[in-house]
Amino acid sequence: MPANLSPEYKRAEQAFRAAREPGERLDCLKEMLRTIPKHKGTEHIQADIKSRIKQLGDELIEPRRGPARGGSAHSVHREGAAQIGLIGPPNSGKSSLHAILTGSRAEIGPFPYTTRVPLPGMLPFEDIAFQLLDLPPMSAAHTEPWMAGVLQTVDAVWLVVDLADPACAEHLLVIRTELAQRKITLTDRWPGLNAAPESAPASQAEPDQARGVEEVPDPFRIQLPALLIANKHDLDPDPEEVRVFEELTDIRYPAIATSTLTGHGLDELARFVFQALGMVRVYTKLPGRPAERVRPFAVRRGDTVLDVARLVHQDVARTLKFARLWGSGAFDGQQVGPEHRVADGDIVELHAR
């Protein structure tokens, strides 16, 4: 059955995918439910939207009820230039890695399932920082049901494995299966490392699409860029281990070998995230004031002056007329429009109407 998706629904779905805060996502879900075509072909999507509205609503109400039921403990306020989730099997060293990179007080123990709730920490990189979420381990025996909701809003994941564990390949396949059941696919494609694939010609389109029949996309199915962290490198430093692991699992995620004991590979992690996510740092200045390269706004490659203005304040974005640019422009102080793309290190001076 053709979906006949309205422009209003498509805008609401796009806003939902971009939203990160629970309240904003709840508003988007309600708008999606209001605007989705009501027919048999969308019944499963309608049911999923209603279920997620209830779940998010309960999380937002929970703080008023006190901590007894614990639902609000799984909601993490987003901070920093990007949010990265740390996932992996039990005793892979996630918490040790999180603690040494962020200075957090992650509970570390020789027994599995020490981590029970999301633990945020900040990973510094030059003049910005990334938020790392230490998440509970995943296994065939147990995976926290709320983790899918947390992973829906992260920008990427670090998949931490212990290559010295004979069952590490089996653990990874279990994790992929658990995530797939929750509509989450891990991918080796990172926006800053892989160019977006070109659209297929009309002759190669799916038959229904070629006939103009629009299927209902699942707004909750996502792909997350993944970095494989071969942890505990000090226990098994053979560089061939990663290659063997890839052969066993038929997976080709970008990989970095690390050790929290020797420090091996730790300096590579933040730089990888910056480059692989295609991050761009933009500095702002007031008219008539000297430029100060402190506290940049972090956007993505291809983002515009208007995107920077939105981070400054919605009112600034709404009234933005033009900007003056220092850095990647043809000359210092060049006047550019709101749709001008910014580059790393640019300084912008925003002018409103």
Foldseek 3Di string as FASTA:
>chain_A
DFFPQDPQLVVLLVQLLVDFALVSNLVSLVSNLVRGDDDPQCVVLNVVSVVVNVLSVCLVCVVVVPCPVPSVLQGDDADWQFEEEEEEAFPLCLQLLQCVQFVDPRDDDPDAFSADYWDWGWGDDDQTTYIYTYHHYDAPVDDPPCVLVVVSRGQAYEYGGALVDPCRLVRVVRVQVVVVVSLEHEDQAFPLPDPDDDDDPLVPDDPCVNVVRHRDDNSSRDYHYYEYEHEPCVVPVDPCSVVVSCVSNVDDHHYFYAYSVVGGRSVVVVVCVCRRNQKAWEFEDEPPDDGDPHDTRIDHFQAWQLVRLVVVDPVLSVFWAWKFKDDPDPHHRDIGGRNHTDGHPMYIYTDGD
